Amino acid sequence: MLLRFPTLGWGMDLARVPDTWLIALRLTGLGWYVATCIIVGVLGGLGLDKLLGTKILFFLLGTVLGVVIAFWGLYKMVQPILNASQGKDREDRGRKS
């Protein structure tokens, strides 16, 4: 089966998109990931509070859990990018010496 890159319209291939657009799309995805984790934690906590008749306990636990999961996942997603840039910096320093 032949794999093809999707087009973005106007005859522009995804393979030819400038790096700045790819970085912007990746950052947008990270933002959605963080927001989704926090919102799911908050809504889950509110639902458990309503179900079990508690006031604010599960809301707070859900919020904290959502934030922790969001930033842990964010760190894991950004870590390869940071490692790659550190490797480039080391290579650049080695060439200058």
Foldseek 3Di string as FASTA:
>chain_A
DDDAADAPPPPHGPVPDDPVVVVVVVVVVLVVLLVVLQVCLQVVLVVVCVVVVHDCVSNVVSNVRSNVVSVVVSCVVCVVVVVVVVVVVVVVVVVVD
